[in-house]
Amino acid sequence: MQIHRKQVPTSKLVERVLQRRDELQRCATAGPASPSTRADIDAALTSVGALLTGDLAQLPSTVKGALARWLESNRYLGVRADGAAAVGPALPLSPKPDEVTVAAATPPPTA
């Protein structure tokens, strides 16, 4: 099932939240899941639905903060214990720019 959205200029945060919401919706409808996992997915979908109302192109900072917290707290929801996603890929961890610089400047360990 494909969801069609109006083309509204949105921030990357909103795009990531919408992507994660779609992944969780697929997890909720596909494959066997434990009752507690299914309840957690339903709760996450319900809570994000309330945040994604109004003008998504001009979100207040409080809503942006709530979306970022939702995204972080539901990052591993629907991922199996062996690390495989139940349905589709989980969101990749994105390194901070200063972490990439530090990692590149650190010399390799010597034996």
Protein backbone atom coordinates (compact mmCIF):
# COMPACT_ATOMS: atom_id res chain seq x y z
CA MET A 1 0.00 0.00 0.00
CA GLN A 2 1.47 3.30 -1.04
CA ILE A 3 0.64 6.51 0.77
CA HIS A 4 0.39 9.67 -1.29
CA ARG A 5 1.21 12.99 0.34
CA LYS A 6 0.86 16.52 -0.87
CA GLN A 7 4.21 17.91 -1.92
CA VAL A 8 4.97 20.28 0.94
CA PRO A 9 8.49 21.55 1.60
CA THR A 10 9.40 19.87 4.88
CA SER A 11 12.48 19.60 7.01
CA LYS A 12 14.70 16.52 7.08
CA LEU A 13 13.39 15.78 10.56
CA VAL A 14 9.81 15.57 9.32
CA GLU A 15 10.91 13.40 6.38
CA ARG A 16 12.72 11.01 8.74
CA VAL A 17 9.71 10.85 11.07
CA LEU A 18 7.36 10.12 8.16
CA GLN A 19 9.73 7.43 6.90
CA ARG A 20 9.93 5.81 10.34
CA ARG A 21 6.15 6.03 10.76
CA ASP A 22 5.70 4.22 7.44
CA GLU A 23 8.18 1.52 8.55
CA LEU A 24 6.27 1.03 11.80
CA GLN A 25 2.97 0.83 9.94
CA ARG A 26 4.43 -1.93 7.76
CA CYS A 27 5.71 -3.71 10.90
CA ALA A 28 2.26 -3.50 12.47
CA THR A 29 0.56 -5.10 9.48
CA ALA A 30 3.19 -7.64 8.42
CA GLY A 31 4.58 -10.70 10.07
CA PRO A 32 4.11 -12.16 13.50
CA ALA A 33 5.04 -9.96 16.41
CA SER A 34 4.66 -10.43 20.12
CA PRO A 35 1.62 -8.79 21.69
CA SER A 36 3.81 -6.39 23.65
CA THR A 37 5.73 -5.32 20.54
CA ARG A 38 2.51 -4.81 18.61
CA ALA A 39 1.13 -2.71 21.50
CA ASP A 40 4.33 -0.63 21.56
CA ILE A 41 4.11 -0.03 17.81
CA ASP A 42 0.45 0.98 18.08
CA ALA A 43 1.29 3.40 20.92
CA ALA A 44 4.15 4.92 18.92
CA LEU A 45 1.95 5.38 15.86
CA THR A 46 -0.79 6.98 17.93
CA SER A 47 1.59 9.41 19.61
CA VAL A 48 3.27 10.54 16.40
CA GLY A 49 -0.08 11.05 14.71
CA ALA A 50 -0.87 13.83 17.15
CA LEU A 51 2.47 15.52 16.42
CA LEU A 52 2.11 15.44 12.63
CA THR A 53 -0.83 17.79 12.39
CA GLY A 54 -0.94 21.31 11.07
CA ASP A 55 1.64 22.96 8.83
CA LEU A 56 4.57 20.54 8.57
CA ALA A 57 6.67 23.13 6.75
CA GLN A 58 6.66 25.53 9.72
CA LEU A 59 6.77 23.53 12.93
CA PRO A 60 7.23 25.21 16.30
CA SER A 61 10.45 24.34 18.10
CA THR A 62 8.54 22.43 20.80
CA VAL A 63 7.02 20.13 18.18
CA LYS A 64 10.42 19.68 16.52
CA GLY A 65 11.86 18.65 19.88
CA ALA A 66 9.00 16.22 20.48
CA LEU A 67 9.48 14.70 17.00
CA ALA A 68 13.22 14.28 17.59
CA ARG A 69 12.53 12.56 20.94
CA TRP A 70 9.90 10.33 19.31
CA LEU A 71 12.31 9.37 16.56
CA GLU A 72 15.09 8.55 19.00
CA SER A 73 12.89 6.62 21.45
CA ASN A 74 11.35 4.49 18.69
CA ARG A 75 14.52 3.88 16.71
CA TYR A 76 14.77 0.17 17.59
CA LEU A 77 11.08 -0.59 17.84
CA GLY A 78 10.26 -3.45 15.47
CA VAL A 79 13.87 -4.61 15.14
CA ARG A 80 14.44 -8.24 16.03
CA ALA A 81 16.95 -9.36 18.66
CA ASP A 82 19.32 -10.70 15.98
CA GLY A 83 19.63 -7.17 14.57
CA ALA A 84 17.50 -7.72 11.49
CA ALA A 85 14.61 -5.39 10.87
CA ALA A 86 11.21 -7.03 11.05
CA VAL A 87 10.16 -5.17 7.88
CA GLY A 88 12.39 -2.83 5.90
CA PRO A 89 15.55 -1.13 7.13
CA ALA A 90 15.79 0.67 10.43
CA LEU A 91 17.00 4.26 10.34
CA PRO A 92 20.78 4.41 9.97
CA LEU A 93 22.83 5.98 12.70
CA SER A 94 24.14 9.26 11.40
CA PRO A 95 27.50 10.31 12.85
CA LYS A 96 27.96 13.84 14.06
CA PRO A 97 30.36 15.94 11.95
CA ASP A 98 32.88 16.33 14.79
CA GLU A 99 32.93 12.54 15.38
CA VAL A 100 33.84 11.93 11.75
CA THR A 101 36.66 14.48 11.95
CA VAL A 102 38.03 12.97 15.16
CA ALA A 103 37.87 9.44 13.78
CA ALA A 104 39.70 10.48 10.60
CA ALA A 105 42.44 12.31 12.51
CA THR A 106 43.14 9.47 14.95
CA PRO A 107 46.12 7.33 13.87
CA PRO A 108 45.59 3.56 13.67
CA PRO A 109 46.69 1.60 16.77
CA THR A 110 50.10 0.01 16.64
CA ALA A 111 50.90 -3.48 17.86
